C-alpha atoms as a PDB file:
ATOM      1  CA  MET A   1      42.446  18.884  10.831  1.00  0.00           C
ATOM      2  CA  SER A   2      43.907  15.614  12.328  1.00  0.00           C
ATOM      3  CA  ASN A   3      42.936  12.158  11.304  1.00  0.00           C
ATOM      4  CA  GLN A   4      41.774  11.280  14.260  1.00  0.00           C
ATOM      5  CA  GLN A   5      39.710  14.500  14.506  1.00  0.00           C
ATOM      6  CA  ARG A   6      37.985  13.603  11.038  1.00  0.00           C
ATOM      7  CA  ALA A   7      37.130  10.316  12.544  1.00  0.00           C
ATOM      8  CA  ARG A   8      35.430  11.956  15.454  1.00  0.00           C
ATOM      9  CA  LEU A   9      33.320  14.210  12.866  1.00  0.00           C
ATOM     10  CA  LEU A  10      32.455  11.490  10.580  1.00  0.00           C
ATOM     11  CA  LEU A  11      31.124   9.606  13.811  1.00  0.00           C
ATOM     12  CA  ARG A  12      29.208  12.566  14.719  1.00  0.00           C
ATOM     13  CA  TYR A  13      27.831  12.708  11.677  1.00  0.00           C
ATOM     14  CA  ALA A  14      26.652   9.024  11.885  1.00  0.00           C
ATOM     15  CA  ASN A  15      25.323   9.999  15.235  1.00  0.00           C
ATOM     16  CA  LEU A  16      22.807  12.852  14.067  1.00  0.00           C
ATOM     17  CA  VAL A  17      21.242  10.402  11.675  1.00  0.00           C
ATOM     18  CA  LYS A  18      21.404   6.914  12.752  1.00  0.00           C
ATOM     19  CA  LEU A  19      23.301   5.850   9.812  1.00  0.00           C
ATOM     20  CA  PRO A  20      23.373   2.081  10.899  1.00  0.00           C
ATOM     21  CA  HIS A  21      19.590   2.366  10.787  1.00  0.00           C
ATOM     22  CA  THR A  22      19.598   2.759   6.951  1.00  0.00           C
ATOM     23  CA  VAL A  23      19.942  -0.983   6.502  1.00  0.00           C
ATOM     24  CA  PHE A  24      16.384  -1.670   7.879  1.00  0.00           C
ATOM     25  CA  ALA A  25      14.872   0.910   5.542  1.00  0.00           C
ATOM     26  CA  LEU A  26      16.767   0.176   2.445  1.00  0.00           C
ATOM     27  CA  PRO A  27      15.585  -3.537   1.799  1.00  0.00           C
ATOM     28  CA  PHE A  28      12.499  -2.178   1.003  1.00  0.00           C
ATOM     29  CA  ALA A  29      14.321   0.008  -1.748  1.00  0.00           C
ATOM     30  CA  LEU A  30      15.954  -3.533  -2.943  1.00  0.00           C
ATOM     31  CA  LEU A  31      13.082  -4.773  -2.954  1.00  0.00           C
ATOM     32  CA  GLY A  32      11.811  -2.826  -5.798  1.00  0.00           C
ATOM     33  CA  VAL A  33      15.066  -3.544  -7.487  1.00  0.00           C
ATOM     34  CA  VAL A  34      14.377  -7.063  -7.132  1.00  0.00           C
ATOM     35  CA  TYR A  35      10.842  -6.594  -8.544  1.00  0.00           C
ATOM     36  CA  GLY A  36      12.384  -4.592 -11.620  1.00  0.00           C
ATOM     37  CA  SER A  37      14.553  -7.364 -12.312  1.00  0.00           C
ATOM     38  CA  TRP A  38      11.825  -9.093 -13.799  1.00  0.00           C
ATOM     39  CA  HIS A  39      11.454  -6.732 -16.651  1.00  0.00           C
ATOM     40  CA  ALA A  40      15.269  -5.674 -16.869  1.00  0.00           C
ATOM     41  CA  SER A  41      18.759  -6.626 -16.302  1.00  0.00           C
ATOM     42  CA  VAL A  42      20.444  -4.997 -13.184  1.00  0.00           C
ATOM     43  CA  THR A  43      24.304  -4.224 -13.180  1.00  0.00           C
ATOM     44  CA  TRP A  44      26.509  -3.482 -10.219  1.00  0.00           C
ATOM     45  CA  GLY A  45      26.711   0.002 -11.507  1.00  0.00           C
ATOM     46  CA  ARG A  46      23.098   0.798 -10.963  1.00  0.00           C
ATOM     47  CA  LEU A  47      22.650  -1.140  -7.657  1.00  0.00           C
ATOM     48  CA  LEU A  48      25.326   0.783  -6.092  1.00  0.00           C
ATOM     49  CA  LEU A  49      23.510   4.182  -7.643  1.00  0.00           C
ATOM     50  CA  VAL A  50      20.224   3.172  -5.969  1.00  0.00           C
ATOM     51  CA  ILE A  51      21.710   2.502  -2.420  1.00  0.00           C
ATOM     52  CA  VAL A  52      23.614   5.687  -2.768  1.00  0.00           C
ATOM     53  CA  ALA A  53      20.673   7.549  -3.840  1.00  0.00           C
ATOM     54  CA  PHE A  54      18.503   5.984  -0.915  1.00  0.00           C
ATOM     55  CA  THR A  55      21.268   6.628   1.653  1.00  0.00           C
ATOM     56  CA  ALA A  56      21.985  10.326   0.665  1.00  0.00           C
ATOM     57  CA  ALA A  57      18.069  10.983   0.762  1.00  0.00           C
ATOM     58  CA  ARG A  58      17.916   9.678   4.075  1.00  0.00           C
ATOM     59  CA  PHE A  59      20.779  11.446   5.536  1.00  0.00           C
ATOM     60  CA  ALA A  60      19.292  14.692   3.967  1.00  0.00           C
ATOM     61  CA  ALA A  61      15.654  14.159   5.792  1.00  0.00           C
ATOM     62  CA  MET A  62      17.195  12.965   8.702  1.00  0.00           C
ATOM     63  CA  ALA A  63      19.868  15.835   9.225  1.00  0.00           C
ATOM     64  CA  PHE A  64      16.663  18.386   8.452  1.00  0.00           C
ATOM     65  CA  ASN A  65      14.835  16.896  10.723  1.00  0.00           C
ATOM     66  CA  ARG A  66      17.155  17.367  13.086  1.00  0.00           C
ATOM     67  CA  VAL A  67      17.589  21.457  12.781  1.00  0.00           C
ATOM     68  CA  VAL A  68      14.063  21.787  12.511  1.00  0.00           C
ATOM     69  CA  ASP A  69      12.936  20.093  15.753  1.00  0.00           C
ATOM     70  CA  ARG A  70      16.551  21.193  17.668  1.00  0.00           C
ATOM     71  CA  LYS A  71      14.511  23.219  20.267  1.00  0.00           C
ATOM     72  CA  MET A  72      12.466  20.400  20.996  1.00  0.00           C
ATOM     73  CA  ASP A  73      14.683  18.313  21.254  1.00  0.00           C
ATOM     74  CA  SER A  74      16.470  20.492  23.747  1.00  0.00           C
ATOM     75  CA  LEU A  75      13.633  20.223  25.695  1.00  0.00           C
ATOM     76  CA  ASN A  76      12.572  16.674  25.785  1.00  0.00           C
ATOM     77  CA  PRO A  77      14.758  14.443  28.291  1.00  0.00           C
ATOM     78  CA  ARG A  78      14.700  11.600  25.665  1.00  0.00           C
ATOM     79  CA  THR A  79      16.220  13.713  23.100  1.00  0.00           C
ATOM     80  CA  ARG A  80      18.443  16.468  24.805  1.00  0.00           C
ATOM     81  CA  ARG A  81      21.791  14.511  24.340  1.00  0.00           C
ATOM     82  CA  ARG A  82      21.321  14.414  20.272  1.00  0.00           C
ATOM     83  CA  GLU A  83      23.969  16.110  18.437  1.00  0.00           C
ATOM     84  CA  LEU A  84      22.699  19.773  17.910  1.00  0.00           C
ATOM     85  CA  PRO A  85      21.445  20.080  21.713  1.00  0.00           C
ATOM     86  CA  ASP A  86      24.334  18.766  22.810  1.00  0.00           C
ATOM     87  CA  ARG A  87      26.530  21.163  20.626  1.00  0.00           C
ATOM     88  CA  ASN A  88      28.666  17.990  18.980  1.00  0.00           C
ATOM     89  CA  LEU A  89      27.800  19.746  15.715  1.00  0.00           C
ATOM     90  CA  THR A  90      26.925  23.178  14.858  1.00  0.00           C
ATOM     91  CA  VAL A  91      23.637  24.294  12.983  1.00  0.00           C
ATOM     92  CA  VAL A  92      25.689  25.476  10.197  1.00  0.00           C
ATOM     93  CA  GLN A  93      27.544  22.228   9.614  1.00  0.00           C
ATOM     94  CA  VAL A  94      23.969  20.332   9.149  1.00  0.00           C
ATOM     95  CA  VAL A  95      22.681  22.370   6.703  1.00  0.00           C
ATOM     96  CA  VAL A  96      25.931  22.080   4.920  1.00  0.00           C
ATOM     97  CA  SER A  97      25.318  18.391   5.078  1.00  0.00           C
ATOM     98  CA  VAL A  98      21.437  18.411   4.212  1.00  0.00           C
ATOM     99  CA  ILE A  99      22.687  20.454   0.697  1.00  0.00           C
ATOM    100  CA  ALA A 100      25.471  18.135  -0.087  1.00  0.00           C
ATOM    101  CA  ALA A 101      23.530  15.306   0.525  1.00  0.00           C
ATOM    102  CA  GLY A 102      20.275  16.461  -1.254  1.00  0.00           C
ATOM    103  CA  ALA A 103      22.615  17.427  -4.233  1.00  0.00           C
ATOM    104  CA  VAL A 104      24.174  13.782  -3.799  1.00  0.00           C
ATOM    105  CA  PHE A 105      20.569  12.214  -4.311  1.00  0.00           C
ATOM    106  CA  ILE A 106      19.397  14.253  -7.361  1.00  0.00           C
ATOM    107  CA  GLY A 107      23.033  13.782  -8.662  1.00  0.00           C
ATOM    108  CA  ALA A 108      22.652   9.715  -8.271  1.00  0.00           C
ATOM    109  CA  ALA A 109      18.865   9.887  -9.727  1.00  0.00           C
ATOM    110  CA  ALA A 110      20.580  11.807 -12.897  1.00  0.00           C
ATOM    111  CA  LEU A 111      22.376   9.277 -13.639  1.00  0.00           C
ATOM    112  CA  LEU A 112      20.107   6.431 -13.041  1.00  0.00           C
ATOM    113  CA  ASN A 113      17.678   7.496 -15.791  1.00  0.00           C
ATOM    114  CA  PRO A 114      15.652  10.418 -17.073  1.00  0.00           C
ATOM    115  CA  LEU A 115      12.395   9.930 -14.783  1.00  0.00           C
ATOM    116  CA  CYS A 116      14.384   9.173 -12.010  1.00  0.00           C
ATOM    117  CA  PHE A 117      15.874  12.141 -12.386  1.00  0.00           C
ATOM    118  CA  ARG A 118      12.727  14.175 -12.906  1.00  0.00           C
ATOM    119  CA  LEU A 119      10.938  12.699 -10.102  1.00  0.00           C
ATOM    120  CA  ALA A 120      13.784  12.966  -8.060  1.00  0.00           C
ATOM    121  CA  PRO A 121      13.058  16.619  -6.624  1.00  0.00           C
ATOM    122  CA  PHE A 122       9.582  16.034  -5.729  1.00  0.00           C
ATOM    123  CA  ALA A 123      10.303  13.025  -3.709  1.00  0.00           C
ATOM    124  CA  LEU A 124      13.157  15.364  -1.653  1.00  0.00           C
ATOM    125  CA  VAL A 125      10.295  17.998  -1.294  1.00  0.00           C
ATOM    126  CA  TRP A 126       8.079  15.413  -0.111  1.00  0.00           C
ATOM    127  CA  ILE A 127      10.710  13.961   2.558  1.00  0.00           C
ATOM    128  CA  LEU A 128      12.150  17.486   3.831  1.00  0.00           C
ATOM    129  CA  THR A 129       8.600  18.462   4.864  1.00  0.00           C
ATOM    130  CA  TYR A 130       7.558  15.735   6.851  1.00  0.00           C
ATOM    131  CA  SER A 131       9.963  17.232   9.558  1.00  0.00           C
ATOM    132  CA  TYR A 132       6.986  20.387   9.755  1.00  0.00           C
ATOM    133  CA  THR A 133       4.255  17.760  10.221  1.00  0.00           C
ATOM    134  CA  LYS A 134       3.650  17.620  13.954  1.00  0.00           C
ATOM    135  CA  ARG A 135       3.099  21.515  13.779  1.00  0.00           C
ATOM    136  CA  PHE A 136      -0.198  20.788  11.613  1.00  0.00           C
ATOM    137  CA  THR A 137      -1.351  17.344  11.733  1.00  0.00           C
ATOM    138  CA  SER A 138      -1.856  14.477  13.673  1.00  0.00           C
ATOM    139  CA  TRP A 139      -0.955  11.813  10.791  1.00  0.00           C
ATOM    140  CA  SER A 140       2.445  12.821  10.354  1.00  0.00           C
ATOM    141  CA  HIS A 141       3.043   8.784  11.103  1.00  0.00           C
ATOM    142  CA  LEU A 142       1.437   7.865   7.954  1.00  0.00           C
ATOM    143  CA  TRP A 143       3.499  11.113   6.009  1.00  0.00           C
ATOM    144  CA  LEU A 144       6.558   9.406   6.995  1.00  0.00           C
ATOM    145  CA  GLY A 145       5.603   6.028   5.500  1.00  0.00           C
ATOM    146  CA  ALA A 146       4.693   7.648   2.703  1.00  0.00           C
ATOM    147  CA  SER A 147       8.347   8.994   2.585  1.00  0.00           C
ATOM    148  CA  LEU A 148       9.724   5.492   3.124  1.00  0.00           C
ATOM    149  CA  ALA A 149       7.081   4.286   0.470  1.00  0.00           C
ATOM    150  CA  ILE A 150       8.917   6.289  -2.456  1.00  0.00           C
ATOM    151  CA  ALA A 151      11.949   3.755  -1.676  1.00  0.00           C
ATOM    152  CA  PRO A 152      10.491   0.670  -3.585  1.00  0.00           C
ATOM    153  CA  ALA A 153       9.252   2.344  -6.373  1.00  0.00           C
ATOM    154  CA  GLY A 154      12.057   4.294  -6.485  1.00  0.00           C
ATOM    155  CA  GLY A 155      14.004   0.867  -6.909  1.00  0.00           C
ATOM    156  CA  TYR A 156      11.993  -0.440  -9.408  1.00  0.00           C
ATOM    157  CA  ILE A 157      11.835   2.978 -11.959  1.00  0.00           C
ATOM    158  CA  ALA A 158      15.845   3.047 -11.350  1.00  0.00           C
ATOM    159  CA  VAL A 159      16.096  -0.350 -13.000  1.00  0.00           C
ATOM    160  CA  THR A 160      13.126  -0.323 -15.147  1.00  0.00           C
ATOM    161  CA  GLY A 161      13.432   3.766 -16.245  1.00  0.00           C
ATOM    162  CA  ALA A 162       8.799   3.372 -16.095  1.00  0.00           C
ATOM    163  CA  TRP A 163       6.221   2.811 -13.822  1.00  0.00           C
ATOM    164  CA  SER A 164       5.429  -0.673 -13.049  1.00  0.00           C
ATOM    165  CA  GLU A 165       2.794  -2.376 -15.231  1.00  0.00           C
ATOM    166  CA  PRO A 166       0.512  -3.346 -14.445  1.00  0.00           C
ATOM    167  CA  TRP A 167       0.181   0.392 -12.594  1.00  0.00           C
ATOM    168  CA  TRP A 168      -1.198  -0.705  -9.450  1.00  0.00           C
ATOM    169  CA  THR A 169       1.387  -3.224  -8.330  1.00  0.00           C
ATOM    170  CA  LEU A 170       3.894  -0.180  -6.604  1.00  0.00           C
ATOM    171  CA  PRO A 171       0.924   1.418  -4.852  1.00  0.00           C
ATOM    172  CA  VAL A 172       0.183  -2.084  -3.321  1.00  0.00           C
ATOM    173  CA  MET A 173       3.565  -1.828  -1.794  1.00  0.00           C
ATOM    174  CA  ALA A 174       3.477   1.582  -1.205  1.00  0.00           C
ATOM    175  CA  ILE A 175       0.201   0.408   1.265  1.00  0.00           C
ATOM    176  CA  ALA A 176       2.640  -1.875   2.944  1.00  0.00           C
ATOM    177  CA  VAL A 177       5.146   0.453   3.593  1.00  0.00           C
ATOM    178  CA  ILE A 178       2.856   3.151   4.501  1.00  0.00           C
ATOM    179  CA  THR A 179       1.207   1.006   6.947  1.00  0.00           C
ATOM    180  CA  TRP A 180       4.225  -0.451   8.263  1.00  0.00           C
ATOM    181  CA  VAL A 181       5.888   2.528   9.082  1.00  0.00           C
ATOM    182  CA  GLY A 182       3.233   4.635  10.842  1.00  0.00           C
ATOM    183  CA  GLY A 183       2.548   1.778  13.026  1.00  0.00           C
ATOM    184  CA  PHE A 184       5.722   1.608  13.977  1.00  0.00           C
ATOM    185  CA  ASP A 185       6.054   5.327  13.929  1.00  0.00           C
ATOM    186  CA  MET A 186       2.795   5.610  16.328  1.00  0.00           C
ATOM    187  CA  PHE A 187       4.795   3.043  18.223  1.00  0.00           C
ATOM    188  CA  TYR A 188       7.617   5.544  19.111  1.00  0.00           C
ATOM    189  CA  ALA A 189       5.402   8.595  19.607  1.00  0.00           C
ATOM    190  CA  LEU A 190       3.825   6.347  23.074  1.00  0.00           C
ATOM    191  CA  GLN A 191       7.174   7.655  24.340  1.00  0.00           C
ATOM    192  CA  ASP A 192       6.472  11.256  24.104  1.00  0.00           C
ATOM    193  CA  GLU A 193       2.708  11.616  24.282  1.00  0.00           C
ATOM    194  CA  ARG A 194       3.136  13.680  27.751  1.00  0.00           C
ATOM    195  CA  PHE A 195       5.676  15.784  26.023  1.00  0.00           C
ATOM    196  CA  ASP A 196       3.892  16.565  22.730  1.00  0.00           C
ATOM    197  CA  ARG A 197       0.977  17.846  24.812  1.00  0.00           C
ATOM    198  CA  GLU A 198       2.472  20.043  26.870  1.00  0.00           C
ATOM    199  CA  GLN A 199       4.524  21.506  23.640  1.00  0.00           C
ATOM    200  CA  GLY A 200       1.250  21.629  21.341  1.00  0.00           C
ATOM    201  CA  LEU A 201       2.893  19.059  18.791  1.00  0.00           C
ATOM    202  CA  LYS A 202       0.184  16.726  17.441  1.00  0.00           C
ATOM    203  CA  SER A 203       0.314  12.739  16.941  1.00  0.00           C
ATOM    204  CA  ALA A 204      -2.337  10.314  16.980  1.00  0.00           C
ATOM    205  CA  VAL A 205      -0.851   9.120  20.008  1.00  0.00           C
ATOM    206  CA  VAL A 206      -1.783  12.716  21.500  1.00  0.00           C
ATOM    207  CA  LEU A 207      -5.285  13.074  19.272  1.00  0.00           C
ATOM    208  CA  LEU A 208      -6.397   8.989  20.246  1.00  0.00           C
ATOM    209  CA  GLY A 209      -4.830   8.093  23.404  1.00  0.00           C
ATOM    210  CA  LYS A 210      -2.604   5.338  23.980  1.00  0.00           C
ATOM    211  CA  ALA A 211      -5.110   2.481  23.673  1.00  0.00           C
ATOM    212  CA  ARG A 212      -6.729   3.163  20.555  1.00  0.00           C
ATOM    213  CA  SER A 213      -3.481   4.503  19.224  1.00  0.00           C
ATOM    214  CA  ILE A 214      -2.303   1.042  19.889  1.00  0.00           C
ATOM    215  CA  MET A 215      -5.126  -0.559  18.115  1.00  0.00           C
ATOM    216  CA  LEU A 216      -4.825   1.295  15.346  1.00  0.00           C
ATOM    217  CA  ALA A 217      -1.229   0.340  14.966  1.00  0.00           C
ATOM    218  CA  LYS A 218      -1.979  -3.242  14.948  1.00  0.00           C
ATOM    219  CA  ALA A 219      -4.946  -2.552  12.164  1.00  0.00           C
ATOM    220  CA  LEU A 220      -2.117  -0.895  10.499  1.00  0.00           C
ATOM    221  CA  HIS A 221       0.165  -3.864  10.426  1.00  0.00           C
ATOM    222  CA  GLY A 222      -2.824  -6.206   9.664  1.00  0.00           C
ATOM    223  CA  VAL A 223      -3.087  -4.166   6.062  1.00  0.00           C
ATOM    224  CA  THR A 224       0.780  -4.312   5.969  1.00  0.00           C
ATOM    225  CA  ILE A 225       0.708  -8.319   6.171  1.00  0.00           C
ATOM    226  CA  VAL A 226      -2.192  -8.032   3.341  1.00  0.00           C
ATOM    227  CA  ALA A 227      -0.473  -5.922   1.186  1.00  0.00           C
ATOM    228  CA  LEU A 228       2.683  -8.057   1.425  1.00  0.00           C
ATOM    229  CA  VAL A 229       1.116 -10.896   0.258  1.00  0.00           C
ATOM    230  CA  ALA A 230      -1.082  -9.235  -2.189  1.00  0.00           C
ATOM    231  CA  PHE A 231       1.740  -7.823  -4.079  1.00  0.00           C
ATOM    232  CA  GLY A 232       3.682 -10.771  -3.971  1.00  0.00           C
ATOM    233  CA  LEU A 233       0.877 -13.025  -5.632  1.00  0.00           C
ATOM    234  CA  TRP A 234       0.266 -10.390  -8.258  1.00  0.00           C
ATOM    235  CA  THR A 235       3.669  -9.926  -8.982  1.00  0.00           C
ATOM    236  CA  GLY A 236       4.627 -13.640  -9.535  1.00  0.00           C
ATOM    237  CA  PHE A 237       6.504 -14.246  -6.349  1.00  0.00           C
ATOM    238  CA  GLY A 238       6.412 -17.135  -4.945  1.00  0.00           C
ATOM    239  CA  PRO A 239       6.783 -19.331  -1.567  1.00  0.00           C
ATOM    240  CA  VAL A 240      10.149 -18.211  -0.432  1.00  0.00           C
ATOM    241  CA  TYR A 241       8.938 -14.838  -0.755  1.00  0.00           C
ATOM    242  CA  LEU A 242       5.558 -15.965   1.360  1.00  0.00           C
ATOM    243  CA  VAL A 243       7.532 -17.657   4.051  1.00  0.00           C
ATOM    244  CA  GLY A 244       9.586 -14.394   4.508  1.00  0.00           C
ATOM    245  CA  VAL A 245       6.305 -12.413   4.522  1.00  0.00           C
ATOM    246  CA  GLY A 246       4.785 -14.792   6.980  1.00  0.00           C
ATOM    247  CA  ILE A 247       8.054 -15.060   9.113  1.00  0.00           C
ATOM    248  CA  ALA A 248       7.986 -10.922   9.174  1.00  0.00           C
ATOM    249  CA  ALA A 249       4.202 -11.157  10.516  1.00  0.00           C
ATOM    250  CA  ALA A 250       5.287 -13.432  13.236  1.00  0.00           C
ATOM    251  CA  VAL A 251       7.499 -10.848  14.410  1.00  0.00           C
ATOM    252  CA  LEU A 252       4.742  -8.120  14.283  1.00  0.00           C
ATOM    253  CA  VAL A 253       2.393 -10.386  15.970  1.00  0.00           C
ATOM    254  CA  TRP A 254       5.181 -10.798  19.024  1.00  0.00           C
ATOM    255  CA  GLU A 255       5.970  -7.389  18.643  1.00  0.00           C
ATOM    256  CA  HIS A 256       2.218  -6.352  19.610  1.00  0.00           C
ATOM    257  CA  GLN A 257       2.272  -8.352  22.526  1.00  0.00           C
ATOM    258  CA  LEU A 258       5.001  -6.667  24.298  1.00  0.00           C
ATOM    259  CA  VAL A 259       3.330  -3.261  24.467  1.00  0.00           C
ATOM    260  CA  ARG A 260       0.493  -2.294  26.527  1.00  0.00           C
ATOM    261  CA  PRO A 261      -0.923   1.261  26.920  1.00  0.00           C
ATOM    262  CA  ASN A 262       0.006   0.942  31.087  1.00  0.00           C
ATOM    263  CA  ASP A 263       3.163  -0.402  30.125  1.00  0.00           C
ATOM    264  CA  LEU A 264       6.017   0.588  28.029  1.00  0.00           C
ATOM    265  CA  SER A 265       8.932  -0.674  29.731  1.00  0.00           C
ATOM    266  CA  ARG A 266       9.278  -3.403  26.880  1.00  0.00           C
ATOM    267  CA  LEU A 267       9.333  -0.361  24.192  1.00  0.00           C
ATOM    268  CA  ASP A 268      12.952  -0.187  24.471  1.00  0.00           C
ATOM    269  CA  ALA A 269      15.755  -0.121  21.596  1.00  0.00           C
ATOM    270  CA  ALA A 270      15.529  -4.275  21.256  1.00  0.00           C
ATOM    271  CA  PHE A 271      11.797  -3.531  20.029  1.00  0.00           C
ATOM    272  CA  PHE A 272      12.824  -1.336  17.612  1.00  0.00           C
ATOM    273  CA  THR A 273      15.322  -2.922  15.888  1.00  0.00           C
ATOM    274  CA  MET A 274      13.370  -6.157  15.891  1.00  0.00           C
ATOM    275  CA  ASN A 275      10.819  -4.323  13.990  1.00  0.00           C
ATOM    276  CA  GLY A 276      13.182  -2.860  11.748  1.00  0.00           C
ATOM    277  CA  VAL A 277      14.518  -6.774  10.702  1.00  0.00           C
ATOM    278  CA  MET A 278      11.159  -7.321   9.277  1.00  0.00           C
ATOM    279  CA  SER A 279      12.064  -5.428   6.283  1.00  0.00           C
ATOM    280  CA  ILE A 280      15.239  -7.151   5.909  1.00  0.00           C
ATOM    281  CA  ILE A 281      12.987 -10.892   6.097  1.00  0.00           C
ATOM    282  CA  VAL A 282      10.830  -9.473   3.572  1.00  0.00           C
ATOM    283  CA  PHE A 283      13.528  -8.457   1.296  1.00  0.00           C
ATOM    284  CA  LEU A 284      15.671 -11.829   1.633  1.00  0.00           C
ATOM    285  CA  GLY A 285      12.446 -13.981   1.070  1.00  0.00           C
ATOM    286  CA  ALA A 286      11.898 -11.684  -2.024  1.00  0.00           C
ATOM    287  CA  LEU A 287      15.260 -12.122  -3.341  1.00  0.00           C
ATOM    288  CA  GLY A 288      15.639 -15.858  -2.356  1.00  0.00           C
ATOM    289  CA  ASP A 289      12.451 -16.529  -4.612  1.00  0.00           C
ATOM    290  CA  ARG A 290      14.197 -14.624  -7.538  1.00  0.00           C
ATOM    291  CA  LEU A 291      17.408 -16.403  -7.201  1.00  0.00           C
ATOM    292  CA  LEU A 292      16.338 -20.008  -6.900  1.00  0.00           C
END
């Protein structure tokens, strides 16, 4: 295989899992690292292992989802040009990449500390199981949120080797992530309401309809902001962090003004990208507070 062919293959794998979007979820893992730095020192090597572990886990989950959903993706006009339906990659290639990414995740966890290593298999099973949830529950959005909520807890444990003290601070951060991602994913599901109904798939949008799903997403994002503020106040983060949360809240309010049940025209790539920027803003607020 030539270098050019290798580069094209790597690009297909990157497109398979939307690798650049890792930057929108990684900040929550790094927020856990920043929180953990109050209780233990953070080395560059440990930070690199956290990034590797998170990226590998996300790759495994996304690639596995593409395998599980490949037949549905081939029927959905929005997704039929993905790598598996478009035959840019084979199922065997993707399954091998899932196994490799899962092994990298477990290996990175083992190098971090014993508690990370013991918890890693459970985390991996949880995030992989998400791919089946639309077959049996309307609340796959919250399952996805819980999958990403593992990240800040993982970042904290990677640094400290133990659960948080007081114990409830990590669950509060988990609530913030679950509700943020859950509300965001409900917006995403608005695009596929008709298709999901036709295929017998479940979602909050199928269960509640567009209008009530949008209202629920608003409520979830309200909980997100309250949880982020509570987390900051209870863990010692100060005004810089709170300013970051305030900016993130403004972004959410602005986004919610763009979407109406009868008008999804502004539910585009820019909308979803801006939503992802929220995690970066919150992380930078926490990092700035920690450094100042």
